[in-house]
Amino acid sequence: MLVAKYYTFLVELYLAFVWVFYAALEGHREAWHWYYKTIANNEDKTPAHAVFTIQRALVGLVIFQFHYIVLNGDFGWNLIAFMVLSFPFIHDGYYYWHRDMLKPGTYPKRFFDHSKTSTAFFTKYFPASVRIACFIIAVLCIIFKF
């Protein structure tokens, strides 16, 4: 029984690291996207936030499906909670950091900055303090299963 719990923990920890890596890459990719969109000053009407959300959901489903198959039907609420709660901290942090690297002064607090001009729905509800609190809860979800 102890070996099974250890195996489950290692699988969930591995998938959590995969999700963190993906969230960081998404932050960097979106920083490039919005940076070039602002300097190009084009009137592209593509709903970028909706497309990004669908993409994230698909990647999350693949990770969750892997979890479900490898752990023989274990639903993994703690992994889902980790993925949902950790994403804003990692993604937004890397986004602000990378945008400030691309154009210094854009987000001077870098990882802990907050956008006041974003059109993303959740951005106004997730300042740095909320993102940090969510990330701490997310890490606790992985360490202590509900």
Protein backbone atom coordinates (compact mmCIF):
# COMPACT_ATOMS: atom_id res chain seq x y z
CA MET A 1 0.00 0.00 0.00
CA LEU A 2 2.82 2.39 0.84
CA VAL A 3 4.50 1.68 -2.51
CA ALA A 4 1.25 2.47 -4.34
CA LYS A 5 0.91 5.80 -2.50
CA TYR A 6 4.52 6.65 -3.27
CA TYR A 7 4.01 5.75 -6.95
CA THR A 8 0.85 7.88 -7.10
CA PHE A 9 2.67 10.80 -5.50
CA LEU A 10 5.56 10.52 -7.98
CA VAL A 11 3.21 10.40 -10.98
CA GLU A 12 1.30 13.42 -9.72
CA LEU A 13 4.51 15.28 -8.95
CA TYR A 14 5.85 14.54 -12.43
CA LEU A 15 2.61 15.73 -14.06
CA ALA A 16 2.63 18.84 -11.88
CA PHE A 17 6.13 19.64 -13.18
CA VAL A 18 4.93 19.08 -16.75
CA TRP A 19 2.09 21.53 -16.12
CA VAL A 20 4.46 24.11 -14.57
CA PHE A 21 6.76 23.83 -17.59
CA TYR A 22 3.80 24.22 -19.96
CA ALA A 23 2.43 27.24 -18.05
CA ALA A 24 5.85 28.92 -18.19
CA LEU A 25 6.12 28.28 -21.93
CA GLU A 26 2.62 29.67 -22.42
CA GLY A 27 3.61 32.83 -20.56
CA HIS A 28 6.62 33.31 -22.80
CA ARG A 29 4.65 32.54 -25.97
CA GLU A 30 1.88 34.97 -25.08
CA ALA A 31 4.44 37.65 -24.22
CA TRP A 32 5.83 37.35 -27.74
CA HIS A 33 2.34 37.27 -29.24
CA TRP A 34 1.09 40.43 -27.50
CA TYR A 35 4.41 42.22 -27.90
CA TYR A 36 4.37 41.78 -31.67
CA LYS A 37 0.67 42.48 -31.87
CA THR A 38 1.17 45.84 -30.15
CA ILE A 39 4.16 46.89 -32.25
CA ALA A 40 2.46 45.79 -35.47
CA ASN A 41 -0.61 47.80 -34.42
CA ASN A 42 -2.87 45.60 -36.52
CA GLU A 43 -6.62 45.25 -36.22
CA ASP A 44 -6.71 41.45 -36.03
CA LYS A 45 -10.11 40.47 -34.62
CA THR A 46 -9.13 36.90 -33.71
CA PRO A 47 -10.38 36.14 -30.18
CA ALA A 48 -6.90 35.27 -28.93
CA HIS A 49 -7.90 34.76 -25.30
CA ALA A 50 -10.55 32.23 -26.29
CA VAL A 51 -8.11 30.36 -28.52
CA PHE A 52 -5.49 30.29 -25.75
CA THR A 53 -8.07 29.03 -23.24
CA ILE A 54 -9.15 26.20 -25.54
CA GLN A 55 -5.52 25.24 -26.11
CA ARG A 56 -4.83 25.17 -22.36
CA ALA A 57 -7.93 23.07 -21.74
CA LEU A 58 -6.80 20.54 -24.36
CA VAL A 59 -3.31 20.27 -22.85
CA GLY A 60 -4.86 19.94 -19.39
CA LEU A 61 -7.15 17.16 -20.64
CA VAL A 62 -4.18 15.26 -22.09
CA ILE A 63 -2.32 15.52 -18.78
CA PHE A 64 -5.40 14.50 -16.83
CA GLN A 65 -6.08 11.58 -19.18
CA PHE A 66 -2.50 10.38 -18.73
CA HIS A 67 -3.00 10.58 -14.96
CA TYR A 68 -6.26 8.66 -15.15
CA ILE A 69 -4.80 5.87 -17.32
CA VAL A 70 -1.48 5.46 -15.49
CA LEU A 71 -3.12 5.39 -12.06
CA ASN A 72 -5.88 2.97 -13.11
CA GLY A 73 -8.89 5.21 -12.78
CA ASP A 74 -7.73 7.46 -9.93
CA PHE A 75 -9.60 10.69 -10.63
CA GLY A 76 -6.96 13.00 -9.15
CA TRP A 77 -8.88 15.97 -7.82
CA ASN A 78 -5.70 17.24 -6.25
CA LEU A 79 -3.93 17.37 -9.63
CA ILE A 80 -6.85 19.23 -11.20
CA ALA A 81 -6.84 21.69 -8.28
CA PHE A 82 -3.09 22.14 -8.69
CA MET A 83 -3.39 22.78 -12.42
CA VAL A 84 -6.20 25.33 -12.05
CA LEU A 85 -4.74 27.17 -9.06
CA SER A 86 -1.09 27.24 -10.14
CA PHE A 87 -1.58 28.36 -13.73
CA PRO A 88 -2.20 32.09 -13.09
CA PHE A 89 0.87 32.45 -10.90
CA ILE A 90 3.24 30.70 -13.29
CA HIS A 91 1.77 31.85 -16.60
CA ASP A 92 1.13 35.47 -15.65
CA GLY A 93 4.44 35.74 -13.83
CA TYR A 94 6.41 34.54 -16.82
CA TYR A 95 4.28 36.66 -19.12
CA TYR A 96 4.98 39.90 -17.19
CA TRP A 97 8.64 39.03 -16.78
CA HIS A 98 9.14 38.28 -20.49
CA ARG A 99 7.14 41.32 -21.66
CA ASP A 100 9.33 43.52 -19.49
CA MET A 101 12.42 41.92 -21.04
CA LEU A 102 11.08 42.61 -24.53
CA LYS A 103 10.20 46.22 -23.73
CA PRO A 104 11.82 47.40 -20.48
CA GLY A 105 9.53 49.37 -18.22
CA THR A 106 6.32 47.70 -19.42
CA TYR A 107 5.95 45.66 -16.23
CA PRO A 108 8.60 46.94 -13.79
CA LYS A 109 7.66 44.49 -11.02
CA ARG A 110 8.12 41.72 -13.58
CA PHE A 111 6.94 38.40 -12.13
CA PHE A 112 4.78 40.11 -9.51
CA ASP A 113 3.28 42.82 -11.69
CA HIS A 114 -0.35 43.17 -12.72
CA SER A 115 -1.87 44.36 -15.98
CA LYS A 116 -4.31 47.23 -15.96
CA THR A 117 -4.95 47.16 -19.71
CA SER A 118 -5.56 43.46 -20.38
CA THR A 119 -8.80 42.36 -22.00
CA ALA A 120 -8.54 38.89 -20.45
CA PHE A 121 -11.56 38.16 -18.25
CA PHE A 122 -9.73 36.84 -15.15
CA THR A 123 -6.76 39.23 -15.17
CA LYS A 124 -8.58 41.90 -13.17
CA TYR A 125 -9.35 39.35 -10.42
CA PHE A 126 -5.82 37.97 -10.13
CA PRO A 127 -3.34 40.55 -8.82
CA ALA A 128 0.00 39.19 -7.60
CA SER A 129 -1.23 38.61 -4.04
CA VAL A 130 -4.11 36.41 -5.23
CA ARG A 131 -1.83 34.53 -7.64
CA ILE A 132 0.64 33.82 -4.83
CA ALA A 133 -2.12 32.60 -2.49
CA CYS A 134 -3.53 30.34 -5.22
CA PHE A 135 -0.08 28.91 -5.91
CA ILE A 136 0.51 28.10 -2.24
CA ILE A 137 -2.84 26.32 -2.09
CA ALA A 138 -1.98 24.50 -5.33
CA VAL A 139 1.29 23.19 -3.90
CA LEU A 140 -0.52 22.06 -0.76
CA CYS A 141 -3.02 20.19 -2.96
CA ILE A 142 -0.18 18.12 -4.39
CA ILE A 143 1.53 17.52 -1.06
CA PHE A 144 -1.63 16.70 0.91
CA LYS A 145 -4.31 14.83 -0.97
CA PHE A 146 -7.85 15.75 -0.01
